[in-house]
Amino acid sequence: MAHTAASTESLHEALAHLNEAAKESRDEIRKLVNEKYTNVRDTIAGAAQTSAGWVKEQGMEAADKARMTATAVDKSVHSNPWAYVGGAAATGFVLGLLIGRRK
């Protein structure tokens, strides 16, 4: 019986060591996963900020180009209005012909 008690005690001691090693490994793995997750999250957040900045910049450039184009067209119309009136009349006439043929 003394041999069985010693074996049982050794077995409990071995299991305790295994549980302790598993706990340490689990904590290490959890720490590594948290670090990697944080790195991935930070990388994605940085990319999102960069993309948002780029989109905002492109939008501002497009708005500036649209403003410049509108200003150029306005100046052109004011300097030569009859050309635009004639162009609009010709376009209206052609569209009227096309719509009239459908019926």
N, C-alpha and C. Protein backbone atom coordinates (compact mmCIF):
# COMPACT_ATOMS: atom_id res chain seq x y z
N MET A 1 0.80 -1.19 0.00
CA MET A 1 0.00 0.00 0.00
C MET A 1 0.85 1.26 0.00
N ALA A 2 2.00 1.19 0.65
CA ALA A 2 2.89 2.34 0.70
C ALA A 2 3.36 2.69 -0.70
N HIS A 3 3.56 1.65 -1.50
CA HIS A 3 4.00 1.86 -2.88
C HIS A 3 2.89 2.54 -3.69
N THR A 4 1.64 2.17 -3.47
CA THR A 4 0.50 2.75 -4.18
C THR A 4 0.31 4.20 -3.76
N ALA A 5 0.46 4.51 -2.48
CA ALA A 5 0.32 5.89 -2.00
C ALA A 5 1.40 6.77 -2.59
N ALA A 6 2.62 6.27 -2.68
CA ALA A 6 3.73 7.03 -3.25
C ALA A 6 3.48 7.26 -4.75
N SER A 7 2.97 6.22 -5.44
CA SER A 7 2.68 6.36 -6.87
C SER A 7 1.57 7.38 -7.10
N THR A 8 0.55 7.36 -6.24
CA THR A 8 -0.56 8.30 -6.36
C THR A 8 -0.07 9.71 -6.10
N GLU A 9 0.80 9.85 -5.09
CA GLU A 9 1.35 11.18 -4.77
C GLU A 9 2.21 11.68 -5.92
N SER A 10 3.02 10.80 -6.50
CA SER A 10 3.85 11.18 -7.64
C SER A 10 2.99 11.57 -8.84
N LEU A 11 1.92 10.82 -9.03
CA LEU A 11 1.00 11.12 -10.13
C LEU A 11 0.34 12.48 -9.93
N HIS A 12 -0.11 12.79 -8.74
CA HIS A 12 -0.70 14.10 -8.43
C HIS A 12 0.32 15.22 -8.62
N GLU A 13 1.54 14.96 -8.20
CA GLU A 13 2.61 15.95 -8.35
C GLU A 13 2.90 16.20 -9.83
N ALA A 14 2.93 15.13 -10.64
CA ALA A 14 3.17 15.26 -12.07
C ALA A 14 2.04 16.04 -12.74
N LEU A 15 0.80 15.72 -12.36
CA LEU A 15 -0.35 16.44 -12.91
C LEU A 15 -0.31 17.91 -12.53
N ALA A 16 0.11 18.19 -11.30
CA ALA A 16 0.21 19.59 -10.87
C ALA A 16 1.24 20.33 -11.72
N HIS A 17 2.39 19.68 -12.00
CA HIS A 17 3.41 20.30 -12.85
C HIS A 17 2.88 20.52 -14.27
N LEU A 18 2.17 19.52 -14.80
CA LEU A 18 1.58 19.65 -16.13
C LEU A 18 0.57 20.79 -16.19
N ASN A 19 -0.28 20.89 -15.17
CA ASN A 19 -1.27 21.97 -15.12
C ASN A 19 -0.59 23.34 -15.05
N GLU A 20 0.47 23.43 -14.27
CA GLU A 20 1.21 24.69 -14.15
C GLU A 20 1.86 25.05 -15.49
N ALA A 21 2.46 24.07 -16.17
CA ALA A 21 3.08 24.31 -17.48
C ALA A 21 2.01 24.72 -18.50
N ALA A 22 0.86 24.06 -18.45
CA ALA A 22 -0.22 24.40 -19.38
C ALA A 22 -0.71 25.82 -19.13
N LYS A 23 -0.82 26.20 -17.87
CA LYS A 23 -1.27 27.55 -17.52
C LYS A 23 -0.28 28.59 -18.03
N GLU A 24 1.02 28.33 -17.83
CA GLU A 24 2.05 29.26 -18.31
C GLU A 24 2.02 29.35 -19.83
N SER A 25 1.87 28.19 -20.50
CA SER A 25 1.80 28.19 -21.96
C SER A 25 0.57 28.95 -22.44
N ARG A 26 -0.56 28.73 -21.77
CA ARG A 26 -1.80 29.42 -22.15
C ARG A 26 -1.63 30.93 -22.00
N ASP A 27 -1.01 31.36 -20.90
CA ASP A 27 -0.80 32.79 -20.70
C ASP A 27 0.14 33.36 -21.76
N GLU A 28 1.19 32.59 -22.11
CA GLU A 28 2.13 33.04 -23.13
C GLU A 28 1.44 33.16 -24.49
N ILE A 29 0.64 32.14 -24.82
CA ILE A 29 -0.07 32.15 -26.10
C ILE A 29 -1.06 33.31 -26.14
N ARG A 30 -1.77 33.52 -25.05
CA ARG A 30 -2.72 34.63 -24.98
C ARG A 30 -2.00 35.97 -25.17
N LYS A 31 -0.85 36.11 -24.56
CA LYS A 31 -0.07 37.35 -24.68
C LYS A 31 0.38 37.55 -26.13
N LEU A 32 0.87 36.49 -26.77
CA LEU A 32 1.32 36.59 -28.16
C LEU A 32 0.16 36.95 -29.09
N VAL A 33 -0.98 36.31 -28.89
CA VAL A 33 -2.14 36.61 -29.73
C VAL A 33 -2.58 38.05 -29.53
N ASN A 34 -2.61 38.52 -28.30
CA ASN A 34 -2.99 39.91 -28.04
C ASN A 34 -2.03 40.88 -28.70
N GLU A 35 -0.72 40.59 -28.64
CA GLU A 35 0.26 41.46 -29.28
C GLU A 35 0.06 41.48 -30.79
N LYS A 36 -0.12 40.30 -31.38
CA LYS A 36 -0.31 40.23 -32.83
C LYS A 36 -1.60 40.92 -33.24
N TYR A 37 -2.66 40.73 -32.46
CA TYR A 37 -3.94 41.37 -32.76
C TYR A 37 -3.80 42.88 -32.69
N THR A 38 -3.08 43.36 -31.69
CA THR A 38 -2.87 44.79 -31.55
C THR A 38 -2.11 45.33 -32.75
N ASN A 39 -1.08 44.60 -33.19
CA ASN A 39 -0.30 45.04 -34.36
C ASN A 39 -1.18 45.08 -35.61
N VAL A 40 -2.00 44.06 -35.81
CA VAL A 40 -2.87 44.03 -36.98
C VAL A 40 -3.90 45.16 -36.90
N ARG A 41 -4.49 45.36 -35.74
CA ARG A 41 -5.48 46.42 -35.56
C ARG A 41 -4.85 47.79 -35.83
N ASP A 42 -3.64 48.01 -35.31
CA ASP A 42 -2.96 49.29 -35.53
C ASP A 42 -2.64 49.49 -37.01
N THR A 43 -2.23 48.42 -37.67
CA THR A 43 -1.91 48.51 -39.10
C THR A 43 -3.16 48.85 -39.90
N ILE A 44 -4.27 48.19 -39.59
CA ILE A 44 -5.52 48.46 -40.30
C ILE A 44 -5.99 49.88 -40.02
N ALA A 45 -5.88 50.32 -38.78
CA ALA A 45 -6.30 51.68 -38.44
C ALA A 45 -5.45 52.71 -39.18
N GLY A 46 -4.15 52.46 -39.27
CA GLY A 46 -3.27 53.38 -40.01
C GLY A 46 -3.61 53.43 -41.48
N ALA A 47 -3.90 52.25 -42.05
CA ALA A 47 -4.28 52.21 -43.47
C ALA A 47 -5.59 52.93 -43.70
N ALA A 48 -6.52 52.77 -42.79
CA ALA A 48 -7.83 53.43 -42.92
C ALA A 48 -7.66 54.95 -42.85
N GLN A 49 -6.81 55.42 -41.95
CA GLN A 49 -6.57 56.86 -41.84
C GLN A 49 -5.93 57.39 -43.11
N THR A 50 -4.95 56.65 -43.64
CA THR A 50 -4.29 57.07 -44.87
C THR A 50 -5.27 57.12 -46.02
N SER A 51 -6.13 56.09 -46.12
CA SER A 51 -7.13 56.05 -47.19
C SER A 51 -8.12 57.20 -47.06
N ALA A 52 -8.56 57.45 -45.84
CA ALA A 52 -9.51 58.54 -45.63
C ALA A 52 -8.90 59.88 -46.00
N GLY A 53 -7.64 60.07 -45.65
CA GLY A 53 -6.95 61.31 -46.01
C GLY A 53 -6.82 61.46 -47.52
N TRP A 54 -6.49 60.34 -48.20
CA TRP A 54 -6.35 60.37 -49.64
C TRP A 54 -7.69 60.69 -50.31
N VAL A 55 -8.76 60.06 -49.84
CA VAL A 55 -10.09 60.30 -50.41
C VAL A 55 -10.49 61.76 -50.21
N LYS A 56 -10.24 62.28 -49.02
CA LYS A 56 -10.57 63.69 -48.74
C LYS A 56 -9.78 64.62 -49.66
N GLU A 57 -8.50 64.31 -49.83
CA GLU A 57 -7.65 65.13 -50.70
C GLU A 57 -8.14 65.09 -52.14
N GLN A 58 -8.50 63.89 -52.63
CA GLN A 58 -8.99 63.76 -54.00
C GLN A 58 -10.32 64.50 -54.18
N GLY A 59 -11.17 64.44 -53.18
CA GLY A 59 -12.43 65.16 -53.24
C GLY A 59 -12.22 66.67 -53.31
N MET A 60 -11.27 67.15 -52.53
CA MET A 60 -10.97 68.58 -52.56
C MET A 60 -10.41 68.99 -53.92
N GLU A 61 -9.54 68.15 -54.50
CA GLU A 61 -9.00 68.45 -55.82
C GLU A 61 -10.10 68.46 -56.87
N ALA A 62 -11.02 67.50 -56.81
CA ALA A 62 -12.12 67.45 -57.77
C ALA A 62 -13.01 68.68 -57.65
N ALA A 63 -13.27 69.09 -56.41
CA ALA A 63 -14.10 70.28 -56.19
C ALA A 63 -13.40 71.52 -56.76
N ASP A 64 -12.09 71.61 -56.55
CA ASP A 64 -11.35 72.76 -57.10
C ASP A 64 -11.40 72.76 -58.62
N LYS A 65 -11.23 71.58 -59.24
CA LYS A 65 -11.27 71.51 -60.71
C LYS A 65 -12.66 71.87 -61.22
N ALA A 66 -13.71 71.41 -60.54
CA ALA A 66 -15.07 71.74 -60.95
C ALA A 66 -15.32 73.23 -60.84
N ARG A 67 -14.82 73.84 -59.77
CA ARG A 67 -14.97 75.29 -59.59
C ARG A 67 -14.25 76.05 -60.71
N MET A 68 -13.02 75.60 -61.04
CA MET A 68 -12.26 76.28 -62.10
C MET A 68 -12.96 76.12 -63.45
N THR A 69 -13.51 74.92 -63.72
CA THR A 69 -14.21 74.69 -64.98
C THR A 69 -15.47 75.57 -65.05
N ALA A 70 -16.21 75.64 -63.98
CA ALA A 70 -17.42 76.47 -63.95
C ALA A 70 -17.07 77.94 -64.18
N THR A 71 -15.99 78.38 -63.58
CA THR A 71 -15.56 79.78 -63.76
C THR A 71 -15.16 80.03 -65.22
N ALA A 72 -14.44 79.07 -65.82
CA ALA A 72 -14.02 79.22 -67.21
C ALA A 72 -15.22 79.25 -68.15
N VAL A 73 -16.20 78.37 -67.92
CA VAL A 73 -17.40 78.34 -68.76
C VAL A 73 -18.19 79.65 -68.58
N ASP A 74 -18.30 80.14 -67.37
CA ASP A 74 -19.02 81.38 -67.11
C ASP A 74 -18.37 82.54 -67.86
N LYS A 75 -17.05 82.62 -67.80
CA LYS A 75 -16.34 83.69 -68.52
C LYS A 75 -16.55 83.56 -70.02
N SER A 76 -16.49 82.33 -70.51
CA SER A 76 -16.66 82.11 -71.95
C SER A 76 -18.07 82.50 -72.41
N VAL A 77 -19.07 82.13 -71.63
CA VAL A 77 -20.46 82.47 -71.99
C VAL A 77 -20.65 83.98 -71.97
N HIS A 78 -20.07 84.64 -70.98
CA HIS A 78 -20.22 86.10 -70.90
C HIS A 78 -19.48 86.82 -72.04
N SER A 79 -18.38 86.24 -72.49
CA SER A 79 -17.63 86.90 -73.55
C SER A 79 -18.22 86.62 -74.94
N ASN A 80 -18.92 85.50 -75.13
CA ASN A 80 -19.48 85.16 -76.42
C ASN A 80 -20.84 84.47 -76.24
N PRO A 81 -21.86 85.21 -75.80
CA PRO A 81 -23.14 84.57 -75.46
C PRO A 81 -23.90 84.02 -76.66
N TRP A 82 -23.79 84.67 -77.84
CA TRP A 82 -24.59 84.23 -78.98
C TRP A 82 -24.19 82.86 -79.49
N ALA A 83 -22.97 82.48 -79.34
CA ALA A 83 -22.53 81.14 -79.75
C ALA A 83 -23.23 80.08 -78.90
N TYR A 84 -23.35 80.36 -77.61
CA TYR A 84 -24.00 79.39 -76.71
C TYR A 84 -25.51 79.37 -76.94
N VAL A 85 -26.11 80.51 -77.23
CA VAL A 85 -27.55 80.56 -77.53
C VAL A 85 -27.82 79.77 -78.81
N GLY A 86 -26.99 79.95 -79.81
CA GLY A 86 -27.15 79.21 -81.06
C GLY A 86 -26.95 77.72 -80.86
N GLY A 87 -25.95 77.35 -80.06
CA GLY A 87 -25.70 75.93 -79.79
C GLY A 87 -26.87 75.29 -79.05
N ALA A 88 -27.42 76.01 -78.08
CA ALA A 88 -28.56 75.49 -77.33
C ALA A 88 -29.77 75.35 -78.23
N ALA A 89 -30.00 76.34 -79.15
CA ALA A 89 -31.13 76.28 -80.07
C ALA A 89 -30.97 75.10 -81.03
N ALA A 90 -29.76 74.89 -81.55
CA ALA A 90 -29.53 73.78 -82.48
C ALA A 90 -29.73 72.44 -81.78
N THR A 91 -29.26 72.33 -80.55
CA THR A 91 -29.44 71.10 -79.78
C THR A 91 -30.91 70.84 -79.53
N GLY A 92 -31.64 71.85 -79.16
CA GLY A 92 -33.08 71.72 -78.94
C GLY A 92 -33.81 71.30 -80.21
N PHE A 93 -33.40 71.88 -81.34
CA PHE A 93 -34.03 71.54 -82.62
C PHE A 93 -33.81 70.07 -82.97
N VAL A 94 -32.56 69.61 -82.83
CA VAL A 94 -32.23 68.21 -83.15
C VAL A 94 -32.98 67.26 -82.21
N LEU A 95 -33.01 67.55 -80.93
CA LEU A 95 -33.74 66.70 -79.99
C LEU A 95 -35.23 66.69 -80.31
N GLY A 96 -35.77 67.83 -80.70
CA GLY A 96 -37.19 67.90 -81.08
C GLY A 96 -37.47 67.03 -82.30
N LEU A 97 -36.56 67.03 -83.28
CA LEU A 97 -36.73 66.18 -84.46
C LEU A 97 -36.71 64.69 -84.07
N LEU A 98 -35.77 64.34 -83.23
CA LEU A 98 -35.63 62.93 -82.82
C LEU A 98 -36.83 62.47 -82.02
N ILE A 99 -37.31 63.27 -81.12
CA ILE A 99 -38.48 62.91 -80.32
C ILE A 99 -39.72 62.87 -81.19
N GLY A 100 -39.84 63.80 -82.15
CA GLY A 100 -40.99 63.84 -83.05
C GLY A 100 -41.05 62.62 -83.95
N ARG A 101 -39.93 62.05 -84.32
CA ARG A 101 -39.92 60.87 -85.20
C ARG A 101 -40.36 59.63 -84.48
N ARG A 102 -40.20 59.54 -83.19
CA ARG A 102 -40.59 58.36 -82.43
C ARG A 102 -42.09 58.12 -82.48
N LYS A 103 -42.85 59.17 -82.50
CA LYS A 103 -44.31 59.05 -82.42
C LYS A 103 -44.83 58.79 -83.75
